[in-house]
Amino acid sequence: MNLDLTALADEHLTAARSAPHGRSAHLVLHDGVLRQTVIALIAGTALDEHNAPPAASLQVLRGRVRLTAPEWEAELAAGTLRMIPKERHGLAAVDDSVVLLTAVND
């Protein structure tokens, strides 16, 4: 299966712009414990603080996001790949943004 991440980013950013909560997400790959999800967020919207999966990474495809935890935060720009912390965390869009979340669940 080949996926066009550019087309998916365009599609979900368009959907997020017309969505009531300013976001759109789609599970693009699910293979056993591995999941990859494209998430589009309009500037100013956020995913509230939530528990972390056992292993995960976040790749910013478009825009800028802020990854937050109780004791710290990091701003990530397009092209950045970062491991998700093992602690509770949230994600906020600084600009209209699209990310690829890769998670491994037990």
PDB file of N, CA and C in Angstrom:
ATOM      1  N   MET A   1       0.843  -1.175   0.000  1.00  0.00           N
ATOM      2  CA  MET A   1       0.000   0.000   0.000  1.00  0.00           C
ATOM      3  C   MET A   1       0.889   1.241   0.000  1.00  0.00           C
ATOM      4  N   ASN A   2       0.681   2.118  -0.947  1.00  0.00           N
ATOM      5  CA  ASN A   2       1.395   3.390  -1.015  1.00  0.00           C
ATOM      6  C   ASN A   2       0.441   4.502  -0.632  1.00  0.00           C
ATOM      7  N   LEU A   3       0.911   5.417   0.195  1.00  0.00           N
ATOM      8  CA  LEU A   3       0.101   6.556   0.606  1.00  0.00           C
ATOM      9  C   LEU A   3       0.781   7.839   0.164  1.00  0.00           C
ATOM     10  N   ASP A   4      -0.001   8.773  -0.308  1.00  0.00           N
ATOM     11  CA  ASP A   4       0.495  10.088  -0.676  1.00  0.00           C
ATOM     12  C   ASP A   4       0.251  11.020   0.507  1.00  0.00           C
ATOM     13  N   LEU A   5       1.284  11.228   1.337  1.00  0.00           N
ATOM     14  CA  LEU A   5       1.121  12.044   2.539  1.00  0.00           C
ATOM     15  C   LEU A   5       0.785  13.494   2.204  1.00  0.00           C
ATOM     16  N   THR A   6       1.279  13.989   1.095  1.00  0.00           N
ATOM     17  CA  THR A   6       0.966  15.362   0.694  1.00  0.00           C
ATOM     18  C   THR A   6      -0.527  15.499   0.408  1.00  0.00           C
ATOM     19  N   ALA A   7      -1.078  14.557  -0.330  1.00  0.00           N
ATOM     20  CA  ALA A   7      -2.516  14.584  -0.644  1.00  0.00           C
ATOM     21  C   ALA A   7      -3.346  14.405   0.626  1.00  0.00           C
ATOM     22  N   LEU A   8      -2.921  13.499   1.516  1.00  0.00           N
ATOM     23  CA  LEU A   8      -3.641  13.303   2.781  1.00  0.00           C
ATOM     24  C   LEU A   8      -3.596  14.564   3.640  1.00  0.00           C
ATOM     25  N   ALA A   9      -2.439  15.219   3.680  1.00  0.00           N
ATOM     26  CA  ALA A   9      -2.319  16.465   4.445  1.00  0.00           C
ATOM     27  C   ALA A   9      -3.266  17.516   3.883  1.00  0.00           C
ATOM     28  N   ASP A  10      -3.298  17.675   2.565  1.00  0.00           N
ATOM     29  CA  ASP A  10      -4.211  18.634   1.926  1.00  0.00           C
ATOM     30  C   ASP A  10      -5.665  18.311   2.264  1.00  0.00           C
ATOM     31  N   GLU A  11      -6.028  17.052   2.099  1.00  0.00           N
ATOM     32  CA  GLU A  11      -7.412  16.615   2.336  1.00  0.00           C
ATOM     33  C   GLU A  11      -7.854  16.903   3.768  1.00  0.00           C
ATOM     34  N   HIS A  12      -7.018  16.559   4.731  1.00  0.00           N
ATOM     35  CA  HIS A  12      -7.437  16.703   6.128  1.00  0.00           C
ATOM     36  C   HIS A  12      -7.317  18.132   6.636  1.00  0.00           C
ATOM     37  N   LEU A  13      -6.425  18.922   6.058  1.00  0.00           N
ATOM     38  CA  LEU A  13      -6.378  20.332   6.422  1.00  0.00           C
ATOM     39  C   LEU A  13      -7.635  21.032   5.912  1.00  0.00           C
ATOM     40  N   THR A  14      -8.081  20.691   4.722  1.00  0.00           N
ATOM     41  CA  THR A  14      -9.334  21.232   4.191  1.00  0.00           C
ATOM     42  C   THR A  14     -10.505  20.819   5.070  1.00  0.00           C
ATOM     43  N   ALA A  15     -10.540  19.545   5.463  1.00  0.00           N
ATOM     44  CA  ALA A  15     -11.617  19.051   6.329  1.00  0.00           C
ATOM     45  C   ALA A  15     -11.594  19.739   7.691  1.00  0.00           C
ATOM     46  N   ALA A  16     -10.408  19.949   8.250  1.00  0.00           N
ATOM     47  CA  ALA A  16     -10.284  20.595   9.562  1.00  0.00           C
ATOM     48  C   ALA A  16     -10.801  22.030   9.511  1.00  0.00           C
ATOM     49  N   ARG A  17     -10.551  22.710   8.401  1.00  0.00           N
ATOM     50  CA  ARG A  17     -10.983  24.110   8.271  1.00  0.00           C
ATOM     51  C   ARG A  17     -12.505  24.248   8.283  1.00  0.00           C
ATOM     52  N   SER A  18     -13.210  23.204   7.903  1.00  0.00           N
ATOM     53  CA  SER A  18     -14.675  23.276   7.912  1.00  0.00           C
ATOM     54  C   SER A  18     -15.290  22.476   9.062  1.00  0.00           C
ATOM     55  N   ALA A  19     -14.462  21.827   9.863  1.00  0.00           N
ATOM     56  CA  ALA A  19     -14.973  21.028  10.991  1.00  0.00           C
ATOM     57  C   ALA A  19     -15.283  21.930  12.182  1.00  0.00           C
ATOM     58  N   PRO A  20     -16.332  21.601  12.936  1.00  0.00           N
ATOM     59  CA  PRO A  20     -16.724  22.438  14.077  1.00  0.00           C
ATOM     60  C   PRO A  20     -15.617  22.597  15.131  1.00  0.00           C
ATOM     61  N   HIS A  21     -14.791  21.593  15.312  1.00  0.00           N
ATOM     62  CA  HIS A  21     -13.739  21.653  16.337  1.00  0.00           C
ATOM     63  C   HIS A  21     -12.375  21.991  15.744  1.00  0.00           C
ATOM     64  N   GLY A  22     -12.320  22.258  14.433  1.00  0.00           N
ATOM     65  CA  GLY A  22     -11.086  22.686  13.802  1.00  0.00           C
ATOM     66  C   GLY A  22     -10.030  21.616  13.678  1.00  0.00           C
ATOM     67  N   ARG A  23     -10.464  20.359  13.564  1.00  0.00           N
ATOM     68  CA  ARG A  23      -9.488  19.281  13.391  1.00  0.00           C
ATOM     69  C   ARG A  23     -10.082  18.144  12.570  1.00  0.00           C
ATOM     70  N   SER A  24      -9.179  17.354  11.993  1.00  0.00           N
ATOM     71  CA  SER A  24      -9.568  16.184  11.216  1.00  0.00           C
ATOM     72  C   SER A  24      -8.479  15.139  11.384  1.00  0.00           C
ATOM     73  N   ALA A  25      -8.875  13.885  11.555  1.00  0.00           N
ATOM     74  CA  ALA A  25      -7.890  12.816  11.739  1.00  0.00           C
ATOM     75  C   ALA A  25      -8.331  11.581  10.973  1.00  0.00           C
ATOM     76  N   HIS A  26      -7.330  10.819  10.542  1.00  0.00           N
ATOM     77  CA  HIS A  26      -7.617   9.593   9.799  1.00  0.00           C
ATOM     78  C   HIS A  26      -6.522   8.566  10.069  1.00  0.00           C
ATOM     79  N   LEU A  27      -6.926   7.378  10.489  1.00  0.00           N
ATOM     80  CA  LEU A  27      -5.987   6.270  10.696  1.00  0.00           C
ATOM     81  C   LEU A  27      -5.591   5.764   9.315  1.00  0.00           C
ATOM     82  N   VAL A  28      -4.323   5.944   8.961  1.00  0.00           N
ATOM     83  CA  VAL A  28      -3.886   5.586   7.614  1.00  0.00           C
ATOM     84  C   VAL A  28      -3.197   4.237   7.548  1.00  0.00           C
ATOM     85  N   LEU A  29      -2.682   3.761   8.670  1.00  0.00           N
ATOM     86  CA  LEU A  29      -2.004   2.472   8.687  1.00  0.00           C
ATOM     87  C   LEU A  29      -2.253   1.800  10.027  1.00  0.00           C
ATOM     88  N   HIS A  30      -2.690   0.549   9.984  1.00  0.00           N
ATOM     89  CA  HIS A  30      -2.915  -0.224  11.208  1.00  0.00           C
ATOM     90  C   HIS A  30      -2.424  -1.638  10.937  1.00  0.00           C
ATOM     91  N   ASP A  31      -1.357  -2.005  11.619  1.00  0.00           N
ATOM     92  CA  ASP A  31      -0.767  -3.322  11.436  1.00  0.00           C
ATOM     93  C   ASP A  31      -0.407  -3.872  12.808  1.00  0.00           C
ATOM     94  N   GLY A  32      -1.270  -4.697  13.362  1.00  0.00           N
ATOM     95  CA  GLY A  32      -1.038  -5.217  14.704  1.00  0.00           C
ATOM     96  C   GLY A  32      -1.005  -4.088  15.717  1.00  0.00           C
ATOM     97  N   VAL A  33       0.123  -3.931  16.402  1.00  0.00           N
ATOM     98  CA  VAL A  33       0.249  -2.900  17.437  1.00  0.00           C
ATOM     99  C   VAL A  33       0.659  -1.533  16.870  1.00  0.00           C
ATOM    100  N   LEU A  34       1.001  -1.476  15.582  1.00  0.00           N
ATOM    101  CA  LEU A  34       1.445  -0.241  14.953  1.00  0.00           C
ATOM    102  C   LEU A  34       0.271   0.513  14.348  1.00  0.00           C
ATOM    103  N   ARG A  35       0.199   1.800  14.648  1.00  0.00           N
ATOM    104  CA  ARG A  35      -0.832   2.668  14.074  1.00  0.00           C
ATOM    105  C   ARG A  35      -0.198   3.975  13.633  1.00  0.00           C
ATOM    106  N   GLN A  36      -0.598   4.444  12.460  1.00  0.00           N
ATOM    107  CA  GLN A  36      -0.172   5.756  11.992  1.00  0.00           C
ATOM    108  C   GLN A  36      -1.414   6.554  11.632  1.00  0.00           C
ATOM    109  N   THR A  37      -1.472   7.768  12.151  1.00  0.00           N
ATOM    110  CA  THR A  37      -2.641   8.617  11.980  1.00  0.00           C
ATOM    111  C   THR A  37      -2.218   9.994  11.493  1.00  0.00           C
ATOM    112  N   VAL A  38      -2.891  10.481  10.468  1.00  0.00           N
ATOM    113  CA  VAL A  38      -2.721  11.861  10.015  1.00  0.00           C
ATOM    114  C   VAL A  38      -3.711  12.703  10.803  1.00  0.00           C
ATOM    115  N   ILE A  39      -3.208  13.785  11.420  1.00  0.00           N
ATOM    116  CA  ILE A  39      -4.052  14.678  12.212  1.00  0.00           C
ATOM    117  C   ILE A  39      -3.827  16.101  11.724  1.00  0.00           C
ATOM    118  N   ALA A  40      -4.908  16.768  11.343  1.00  0.00           N
ATOM    119  CA  ALA A  40      -4.841  18.173  10.922  1.00  0.00           C
ATOM    120  C   ALA A  40      -5.514  19.015  11.999  1.00  0.00           C
ATOM    121  N   LEU A  41      -4.856  20.116  12.359  1.00  0.00           N
ATOM    122  CA  LEU A  41      -5.367  21.036  13.379  1.00  0.00           C
ATOM    123  C   LEU A  41      -5.271  22.462  12.847  1.00  0.00           C
ATOM    124  N   ILE A  42      -6.343  23.221  13.017  1.00  0.00           N
ATOM    125  CA  ILE A  42      -6.342  24.623  12.631  1.00  0.00           C
ATOM    126  C   ILE A  42      -5.659  25.428  13.741  1.00  0.00           C
ATOM    127  N   ALA A  43      -4.959  26.486  13.384  1.00  0.00           N
ATOM    128  CA  ALA A  43      -4.277  27.331  14.369  1.00  0.00           C
ATOM    129  C   ALA A  43      -5.197  27.660  15.536  1.00  0.00           C
ATOM    130  N   GLY A  44      -4.686  27.487  16.743  1.00  0.00           N
ATOM    131  CA  GLY A  44      -5.457  27.778  17.941  1.00  0.00           C
ATOM    132  C   GLY A  44      -6.223  26.596  18.508  1.00  0.00           C
ATOM    133  N   THR A  45      -6.312  25.495  17.765  1.00  0.00           N
ATOM    134  CA  THR A  45      -6.997  24.313  18.289  1.00  0.00           C
ATOM    135  C   THR A  45      -5.981  23.378  18.943  1.00  0.00           C
ATOM    136  N   ALA A  46      -6.485  22.429  19.726  1.00  0.00           N
ATOM    137  CA  ALA A  46      -5.581  21.553  20.469  1.00  0.00           C
ATOM    138  C   ALA A  46      -6.211  20.192  20.712  1.00  0.00           C
ATOM    139  N   LEU A  47      -5.344  19.249  20.969  1.00  0.00           N
ATOM    140  CA  LEU A  47      -5.748  17.958  21.520  1.00  0.00           C
ATOM    141  C   LEU A  47      -5.416  18.046  23.004  1.00  0.00           C
ATOM    142  N   ASP A  48      -6.420  17.916  23.846  1.00  0.00           N
ATOM    143  CA  ASP A  48      -6.210  18.044  25.279  1.00  0.00           C
ATOM    144  C   ASP A  48      -5.203  17.022  25.787  1.00  0.00           C
ATOM    145  N   GLU A  49      -4.692  17.297  26.967  1.00  0.00           N
ATOM    146  CA  GLU A  49      -3.725  16.401  27.593  1.00  0.00           C
ATOM    147  C   GLU A  49      -4.296  14.983  27.660  1.00  0.00           C
ATOM    148  N   HIS A  50      -3.458  14.003  27.320  1.00  0.00           N
ATOM    149  CA  HIS A  50      -3.877  12.604  27.308  1.00  0.00           C
ATOM    150  C   HIS A  50      -2.681  11.715  27.630  1.00  0.00           C
ATOM    151  N   ASN A  51      -2.960  10.455  27.965  1.00  0.00           N
ATOM    152  CA  ASN A  51      -1.899   9.507  28.282  1.00  0.00           C
ATOM    153  C   ASN A  51      -1.136   9.114  27.028  1.00  0.00           C
ATOM    154  N   ALA A  52       0.123   8.810  27.204  1.00  0.00           N
ATOM    155  CA  ALA A  52       0.975   8.410  26.087  1.00  0.00           C
ATOM    156  C   ALA A  52       0.891   6.907  25.857  1.00  0.00           C
ATOM    157  N   PRO A  53       0.988   6.477  24.604  1.00  0.00           N
ATOM    158  CA  PRO A  53       1.109   5.042  24.332  1.00  0.00           C
ATOM    159  C   PRO A  53       2.510   4.572  24.752  1.00  0.00           C
ATOM    160  N   PRO A  54       2.753   3.278  24.764  1.00  0.00           N
ATOM    161  CA  PRO A  54       4.073   2.774  25.167  1.00  0.00           C
ATOM    162  C   PRO A  54       5.227   3.329  24.319  1.00  0.00           C
ATOM    163  N   ALA A  55       4.991   3.566  23.034  1.00  0.00           N
ATOM    164  CA  ALA A  55       6.014   4.145  22.160  1.00  0.00           C
ATOM    165  C   ALA A  55       5.300   4.930  21.067  1.00  0.00           C
ATOM    166  N   ALA A  56       5.825   6.132  20.769  1.00  0.00           N
ATOM    167  CA  ALA A  56       5.183   6.959  19.743  1.00  0.00           C
ATOM    168  C   ALA A  56       6.140   8.034  19.252  1.00  0.00           C
ATOM    169  N   SER A  57       5.874   8.485  18.013  1.00  0.00           N
ATOM    170  CA  SER A  57       6.613   9.624  17.469  1.00  0.00           C
ATOM    171  C   SER A  57       5.625  10.534  16.752  1.00  0.00           C
ATOM    172  N   LEU A  58       6.049  11.773  16.590  1.00  0.00           N
ATOM    173  CA  LEU A  58       5.238  12.778  15.928  1.00  0.00           C
ATOM    174  C   LEU A  58       6.094  13.426  14.848  1.00  0.00           C
ATOM    175  N   GLN A  59       5.607  13.406  13.614  1.00  0.00           N
ATOM    176  CA  GLN A  59       6.286  14.070  12.505  1.00  0.00           C
ATOM    177  C   GLN A  59       5.392  15.205  12.041  1.00  0.00           C
ATOM    178  N   VAL A  60       5.929  16.407  12.013  1.00  0.00           N
ATOM    179  CA  VAL A  60       5.163  17.569  11.573  1.00  0.00           C
ATOM    180  C   VAL A  60       5.305  17.678  10.060  1.00  0.00           C
ATOM    181  N   LEU A  61       4.182  17.520   9.369  1.00  0.00           N
ATOM    182  CA  LEU A  61       4.172  17.585   7.910  1.00  0.00           C
ATOM    183  C   LEU A  61       3.971  19.009   7.407  1.00  0.00           C
ATOM    184  N   ARG A  62       3.153  19.785   8.126  1.00  0.00           N
ATOM    185  CA  ARG A  62       2.863  21.175   7.758  1.00  0.00           C
ATOM    186  C   ARG A  62       2.709  22.000   9.020  1.00  0.00           C
ATOM    187  N   GLY A  63       3.072  23.271   8.943  1.00  0.00           N
ATOM    188  CA  GLY A  63       2.802  24.208  10.021  1.00  0.00           C
ATOM    189  C   GLY A  63       3.736  24.088  11.207  1.00  0.00           C
ATOM    190  N   ARG A  64       3.237  24.542  12.370  1.00  0.00           N
ATOM    191  CA  ARG A  64       3.961  24.479  13.641  1.00  0.00           C
ATOM    192  C   ARG A  64       2.992  24.060  14.732  1.00  0.00           C
ATOM    193  N   VAL A  65       3.460  23.175  15.608  1.00  0.00           N
ATOM    194  CA  VAL A  65       2.655  22.704  16.734  1.00  0.00           C
ATOM    195  C   VAL A  65       3.454  22.862  18.021  1.00  0.00           C
ATOM    196  N   ARG A  66       2.749  22.835  19.135  1.00  0.00           N
ATOM    197  CA  ARG A  66       3.382  22.887  20.445  1.00  0.00           C
ATOM    198  C   ARG A  66       3.012  21.600  21.182  1.00  0.00           C
ATOM    199  N   LEU A  67       4.019  20.806  21.484  1.00  0.00           N
ATOM    200  CA  LEU A  67       3.849  19.592  22.278  1.00  0.00           C
ATOM    201  C   LEU A  67       4.028  20.001  23.727  1.00  0.00           C
ATOM    202  N   THR A  68       3.039  19.715  24.570  1.00  0.00           N
ATOM    203  CA  THR A  68       3.073  20.189  25.953  1.00  0.00           C
ATOM    204  C   THR A  68       2.952  19.033  26.932  1.00  0.00           C
ATOM    205  N   ALA A  69       3.590  19.219  28.073  1.00  0.00           N
ATOM    206  CA  ALA A  69       3.491  18.294  29.205  1.00  0.00           C
ATOM    207  C   ALA A  69       3.437  19.168  30.457  1.00  0.00           C
ATOM    208  N   PRO A  70       3.113  18.598  31.616  1.00  0.00           N
ATOM    209  CA  PRO A  70       2.984  19.428  32.813  1.00  0.00           C
ATOM    210  C   PRO A  70       4.232  20.262  33.141  1.00  0.00           C
ATOM    211  N   GLU A  71       5.410  19.749  32.863  1.00  0.00           N
ATOM    212  CA  GLU A  71       6.634  20.440  33.264  1.00  0.00           C
ATOM    213  C   GLU A  71       7.391  21.115  32.115  1.00  0.00           C
ATOM    214  N   TRP A  72       6.944  20.972  30.873  1.00  0.00           N
ATOM    215  CA  TRP A  72       7.702  21.515  29.743  1.00  0.00           C
ATOM    216  C   TRP A  72       6.809  21.651  28.515  1.00  0.00           C
ATOM    217  N   GLU A  73       7.342  22.306  27.483  1.00  0.00           N
ATOM    218  CA  GLU A  73       6.695  22.346  26.174  1.00  0.00           C
ATOM    219  C   GLU A  73       7.773  22.525  25.113  1.00  0.00           C
ATOM    220  N   ALA A  74       7.454  22.091  23.898  1.00  0.00           N
ATOM    221  CA  ALA A  74       8.390  22.217  22.779  1.00  0.00           C
ATOM    222  C   ALA A  74       7.606  22.600  21.538  1.00  0.00           C
ATOM    223  N   GLU A  75       8.107  23.594  20.819  1.00  0.00           N
ATOM    224  CA  GLU A  75       7.488  23.985  19.562  1.00  0.00           C
ATOM    225  C   GLU A  75       8.200  23.241  18.433  1.00  0.00           C
ATOM    226  N   LEU A  76       7.412  22.630  17.552  1.00  0.00           N
ATOM    227  CA  LEU A  76       7.942  21.811  16.464  1.00  0.00           C
ATOM    228  C   LEU A  76       7.453  22.371  15.134  1.00  0.00           C
ATOM    229  N   ALA A  77       8.368  22.538  14.197  1.00  0.00           N
ATOM    230  CA  ALA A  77       8.034  23.076  12.878  1.00  0.00           C
ATOM    231  C   ALA A  77       7.973  21.955  11.845  1.00  0.00           C
ATOM    232  N   ALA A  78       7.408  22.267  10.689  1.00  0.00           N
ATOM    233  CA  ALA A  78       7.334  21.303   9.584  1.00  0.00           C
ATOM    234  C   ALA A  78       8.709  20.700   9.328  1.00  0.00           C
ATOM    235  N   GLY A  79       8.727  19.397   9.142  1.00  0.00           N
ATOM    236  CA  GLY A  79       9.968  18.675   8.901  1.00  0.00           C
ATOM    237  C   GLY A  79      10.553  18.050  10.156  1.00  0.00           C
ATOM    238  N   THR A  80      10.021  18.397  11.321  1.00  0.00           N
ATOM    239  CA  THR A  80      10.534  17.877  12.592  1.00  0.00           C
ATOM    240  C   THR A  80       9.927  16.506  12.902  1.00  0.00           C
ATOM    241  N   LEU A  81      10.772  15.632  13.400  1.00  0.00           N
ATOM    242  CA  LEU A  81      10.341  14.324  13.895  1.00  0.00           C
ATOM    243  C   LEU A  81      10.792  14.230  15.339  1.00  0.00           C
ATOM    244  N   ARG A  82       9.870  13.878  16.243  1.00  0.00           N
ATOM    245  CA  ARG A  82      10.202  13.819  17.659  1.00  0.00           C
ATOM    246  C   ARG A  82       9.492  12.644  18.326  1.00  0.00           C
ATOM    247  N   MET A  83      10.201  12.015  19.250  1.00  0.00           N
ATOM    248  CA  MET A  83       9.556  10.987  20.071  1.00  0.00           C
ATOM    249  C   MET A  83       8.548  11.673  20.984  1.00  0.00           C
ATOM    250  N   ILE A  84       7.441  10.999  21.231  1.00  0.00           N
ATOM    251  CA  ILE A  84       6.430  11.502  22.163  1.00  0.00           C
ATOM    252  C   ILE A  84       6.860  11.062  23.567  1.00  0.00           C
ATOM    253  N   PRO A  85       6.770  11.948  24.542  1.00  0.00           N
ATOM    254  CA  PRO A  85       7.173  11.572  25.898  1.00  0.00           C
ATOM    255  C   PRO A  85       6.252  10.499  26.482  1.00  0.00           C
ATOM    256  N   LYS A  86       6.764   9.783  27.444  1.00  0.00           N
ATOM    257  CA  LYS A  86       5.995   8.706  28.078  1.00  0.00           C
ATOM    258  C   LYS A  86       4.987   9.254  29.094  1.00  0.00           C
ATOM    259  N   GLU A  87       4.998  10.556  29.311  1.00  0.00           N
ATOM    260  CA  GLU A  87       4.097  11.179  30.274  1.00  0.00           C
ATOM    261  C   GLU A  87       2.866  11.757  29.574  1.00  0.00           C
ATOM    262  N   ARG A  88       1.884  12.166  30.375  1.00  0.00           N
ATOM    263  CA  ARG A  88       0.707  12.826  29.810  1.00  0.00           C
ATOM    264  C   ARG A  88       1.165  14.053  29.029  1.00  0.00           C
ATOM    265  N   HIS A  89       0.494  14.315  27.927  1.00  0.00           N
ATOM    266  CA  HIS A  89       0.900  15.423  27.072  1.00  0.00           C
ATOM    267  C   HIS A  89      -0.288  15.899  26.242  1.00  0.00           C
ATOM    268  N   GLY A  90      -0.128  17.053  25.623  1.00  0.00           N
ATOM    269  CA  GLY A  90      -1.135  17.600  24.736  1.00  0.00           C
ATOM    270  C   GLY A  90      -0.458  18.133  23.491  1.00  0.00           C
ATOM    271  N   LEU A  91      -1.262  18.518  22.516  1.00  0.00           N
ATOM    272  CA  LEU A  91      -0.733  19.042  21.264  1.00  0.00           C
ATOM    273  C   LEU A  91      -1.598  20.222  20.841  1.00  0.00           C
ATOM    274  N   ALA A  92      -0.950  21.366  20.575  1.00  0.00           N
ATOM    275  CA  ALA A  92      -1.671  22.568  20.152  1.00  0.00           C
ATOM    276  C   ALA A  92      -1.096  23.065  18.830  1.00  0.00           C
ATOM    277  N   ALA A  93      -1.967  23.539  17.959  1.00  0.00           N
ATOM    278  CA  ALA A  93      -1.535  24.067  16.665  1.00  0.00           C
ATOM    279  C   ALA A  93      -1.212  25.553  16.802  1.00  0.00           C
ATOM    280  N   VAL A  94       0.024  25.922  16.493  1.00  0.00           N
ATOM    281  CA  VAL A  94       0.435  27.317  16.462  1.00  0.00           C
ATOM    282  C   VAL A  94      -0.042  27.925  15.136  1.00  0.00           C
ATOM    283  N   ASP A  95       0.165  27.195  14.056  1.00  0.00           N
ATOM    284  CA  ASP A  95      -0.320  27.543  12.713  1.00  0.00           C
ATOM    285  C   ASP A  95      -1.247  26.415  12.266  1.00  0.00           C
ATOM    286  N   ASP A  96      -1.961  26.594  11.156  1.00  0.00           N
ATOM    287  CA  ASP A  96      -2.679  25.464  10.576  1.00  0.00           C
ATOM    288  C   ASP A  96      -1.627  24.384  10.328  1.00  0.00           C
ATOM    289  N   SER A  97      -1.866  23.180  10.845  1.00  0.00           N
ATOM    290  CA  SER A  97      -0.823  22.156  10.872  1.00  0.00           C
ATOM    291  C   SER A  97      -1.367  20.775  10.562  1.00  0.00           C
ATOM    292  N   VAL A  98      -0.461  19.928  10.076  1.00  0.00           N
ATOM    293  CA  VAL A  98      -0.765  18.515   9.866  1.00  0.00           C
ATOM    294  C   VAL A  98       0.413  17.717  10.421  1.00  0.00           C
ATOM    295  N   VAL A  99       0.095  16.684  11.199  1.00  0.00           N
ATOM    296  CA  VAL A  99       1.127  15.828  11.775  1.00  0.00           C
ATOM    297  C   VAL A  99       0.830  14.378  11.436  1.00  0.00           C
ATOM    298  N   LEU A 100       1.873  13.574  11.486  1.00  0.00           N
ATOM    299  CA  LEU A 100       1.734  12.129  11.358  1.00  0.00           C
ATOM    300  C   LEU A 100       2.135  11.537  12.696  1.00  0.00           C
ATOM    301  N   LEU A 101       1.167  10.944  13.374  1.00  0.00           N
ATOM    302  CA  LEU A 101       1.404  10.290  14.659  1.00  0.00           C
ATOM    303  C   LEU A 101       1.627   8.808  14.411  1.00  0.00           C
ATOM    304  N   THR A 102       2.756   8.313  14.875  1.00  0.00           N
ATOM    305  CA  THR A 102       3.047   6.878  14.812  1.00  0.00           C
ATOM    306  C   THR A 102       3.052   6.363  16.231  1.00  0.00           C
ATOM    307  N   ALA A 103       2.234   5.348  16.513  1.00  0.00           N
ATOM    308  CA  ALA A 103       2.115   4.822  17.875  1.00  0.00           C
ATOM    309  C   ALA A 103       2.154   3.306  17.865  1.00  0.00           C
ATOM    310  N   VAL A 104       2.775   2.766  18.879  1.00  0.00           N
ATOM    311  CA  VAL A 104       2.796   1.327  19.113  1.00  0.00           C
ATOM    312  C   VAL A 104       2.082   1.092  20.432  1.00  0.00           C
ATOM    313  N   ASN A 105       1.021   0.318  20.397  1.00  0.00           N
ATOM    314  CA  ASN A 105       0.240   0.004  21.593  1.00  0.00           C
ATOM    315  C   ASN A 105       0.430  -1.466  21.940  1.00  0.00           C
ATOM    316  N   ASP A 106       0.423  -1.771  23.233  1.00  0.00           N
ATOM    317  CA  ASP A 106       0.579  -3.178  23.644  1.00  0.00           C
ATOM    318  C   ASP A 106      -0.638  -3.970  23.233  1.00  0.00           C
TER     319      ASP A 106
END
